[in-house]
Protein backbone atom coordinates (compact mmCIF):
# COMPACT_ATOMS: atom_id res chain seq x y z
CA UNK A 1 17.55 -20.41 -41.82
CA UNK A 2 18.80 -18.16 -39.39
CA UNK A 3 16.77 -16.98 -36.25
CA UNK A 4 15.30 -13.54 -36.35
CA UNK A 5 16.76 -11.02 -34.48
CA UNK A 6 15.51 -10.42 -31.09
CA UNK A 7 14.44 -6.91 -30.91
CA UNK A 8 15.88 -4.68 -27.60
CA UNK A 9 14.07 -1.88 -26.16
CA UNK A 10 15.48 0.72 -23.70
CA UNK A 11 12.07 1.29 -22.54
CA UNK A 12 10.37 -1.65 -20.09
CA UNK A 13 6.71 -2.81 -21.17
CA UNK A 14 4.07 -1.00 -19.21
CA UNK A 15 1.47 -3.38 -17.74
CA UNK A 16 -2.01 -2.87 -19.22
CA UNK A 17 -4.39 -4.74 -17.28
CA UNK A 18 -8.16 -4.29 -18.13
CA UNK A 19 -8.55 -2.95 -14.72
CA UNK A 20 -6.34 -0.19 -15.16
CA UNK A 21 -7.83 1.07 -18.27
CA UNK A 22 -11.65 0.43 -17.23
CA UNK A 23 -10.66 2.27 -13.55
CA UNK A 24 -9.11 5.00 -15.12
CA UNK A 25 -11.74 5.44 -18.33
CA UNK A 26 -14.42 5.40 -15.45
CA UNK A 27 -13.02 8.63 -14.09
CA UNK A 28 -12.96 10.24 -16.93
CA UNK A 29 -16.49 10.29 -17.07
CA UNK A 30 -18.12 13.68 -16.58
CA UNK A 31 -20.02 12.84 -13.92
CA UNK A 32 -17.22 12.34 -12.11
CA UNK A 33 -14.62 15.04 -13.13
CA UNK A 34 -17.51 17.77 -13.24
CA UNK A 35 -19.46 16.22 -10.45
CA UNK A 36 -18.29 16.26 -6.51
CA UNK A 37 -14.75 15.14 -5.76
CA UNK A 38 -16.05 11.91 -4.27
CA UNK A 39 -14.23 9.20 -6.10
CA UNK A 40 -10.74 8.08 -6.05
CA UNK A 41 -8.70 6.03 -8.72
CA UNK A 42 -7.10 3.25 -6.40
CA UNK A 43 -3.77 1.04 -7.12
CA UNK A 44 -3.06 -1.61 -4.85
CA UNK A 45 -2.07 -4.78 -4.31
CA UNK A 46 -4.59 -7.71 -3.93
CA UNK A 47 -3.50 -10.67 -1.55
CA UNK A 48 -5.34 -13.20 -4.54
CA UNK A 49 -3.39 -11.94 -7.30
CA UNK A 50 -0.03 -12.71 -8.16
CA UNK A 51 2.61 -10.47 -6.75
CA UNK A 52 4.86 -10.26 -9.35
CA UNK A 53 4.53 -6.21 -9.70
CA UNK A 54 4.63 -3.48 -7.23
CA UNK A 55 1.08 -2.95 -7.82
CA UNK A 56 -1.02 -5.29 -9.53
CA UNK A 57 -4.70 -4.04 -9.27
CA UNK A 58 -7.18 -1.04 -10.11
CA UNK A 59 -10.36 0.00 -8.86
CA UNK A 60 -12.71 3.11 -7.94
CA UNK A 61 -13.72 4.12 -4.85
CA UNK A 62 -16.34 6.67 -3.95
CA UNK A 63 -16.47 7.54 0.00
CA UNK A 64 -17.20 4.11 1.24
CA UNK A 65 -17.42 2.08 -1.57
CA UNK A 66 -15.86 0.03 -4.40
CA UNK A 67 -16.14 -0.16 -7.96
CA UNK A 68 -14.43 -3.38 -9.51
CA UNK A 69 -14.29 -2.98 -12.95
CA UNK A 70 -12.80 -4.44 -16.02
CA UNK A 71 -13.31 -6.64 -19.47
CA UNK A 72 -17.12 -5.75 -19.45
CA UNK A 73 -17.79 -5.98 -15.72
CA UNK A 74 -18.85 -3.31 -13.03
CA UNK A 75 -18.85 -4.84 -9.44
CA UNK A 76 -19.90 -2.52 -6.32
CA UNK A 77 -18.57 -3.44 -2.94
CA UNK A 78 -18.51 -2.22 0.72
CA UNK A 79 -14.52 -0.19 0.92
CA UNK A 80 -14.48 -2.17 4.29
CA UNK A 81 -15.83 -6.02 2.92
CA UNK A 82 -13.32 -5.62 -0.06
CA UNK A 83 -10.24 -4.42 1.36
CA UNK A 84 -10.85 -7.04 4.16
CA UNK A 85 -11.90 -9.69 2.00
CA UNK A 86 -9.14 -9.35 -0.83
CA UNK A 87 -6.04 -8.42 1.94
CA UNK A 88 -6.04 -5.17 0.12
CA UNK A 89 -2.18 -3.44 0.59
CA UNK A 90 -0.09 -1.12 -0.97
CA UNK A 91 -2.44 1.61 -1.84
CA UNK A 92 -2.10 4.88 -3.92
CA UNK A 93 -5.44 6.88 -4.80
CA UNK A 94 -5.48 9.61 -7.29
CA UNK A 95 -8.66 12.13 -7.86
CA UNK A 96 -9.71 12.47 -11.14
CA UNK A 97 -7.51 15.07 -12.31
CA UNK A 98 -4.53 13.50 -10.96
CA UNK A 99 -5.18 10.33 -13.15
CA UNK A 100 -6.01 12.32 -16.34
CA UNK A 101 -2.38 14.10 -15.93
CA UNK A 102 -0.71 11.05 -15.23
CA UNK A 103 -2.24 8.96 -17.67
CA UNK A 104 -0.87 11.84 -20.36
CA UNK A 105 2.64 12.25 -18.50
CA UNK A 106 3.25 8.19 -18.72
CA UNK A 107 1.24 7.88 -22.00
CA UNK A 108 -0.67 4.48 -20.37
CA UNK A 109 -3.72 3.16 -17.83
CA UNK A 110 -1.05 2.68 -14.66
CA UNK A 111 -0.13 2.04 -12.80
CA UNK A 112 2.29 4.53 -12.17
CA UNK A 113 4.50 3.85 -9.30
């Protein structure tokens, strides 16, 4: 019996981490898309997570607060405390409209860089 042929693809697999999906879905809720422009989808590196990816975590920011989402959880933190505690670096933020557009362009929840 021979070994199965490996499947090759020209495209690299896209990360589909729970935090990216949950945060992007949160940004698409009507109270966010139809409300004031106070929310930002954030992608960045968290020092407490493995750094094998250029961007390894997603969360939602609302002015001075951070919503940590994923795997059925939703926690609220002060933005300053969240950034200090998790040693956040390499942050990119997106408005709700930018996030919705990038989901359509790339066909996944992120990261997009």
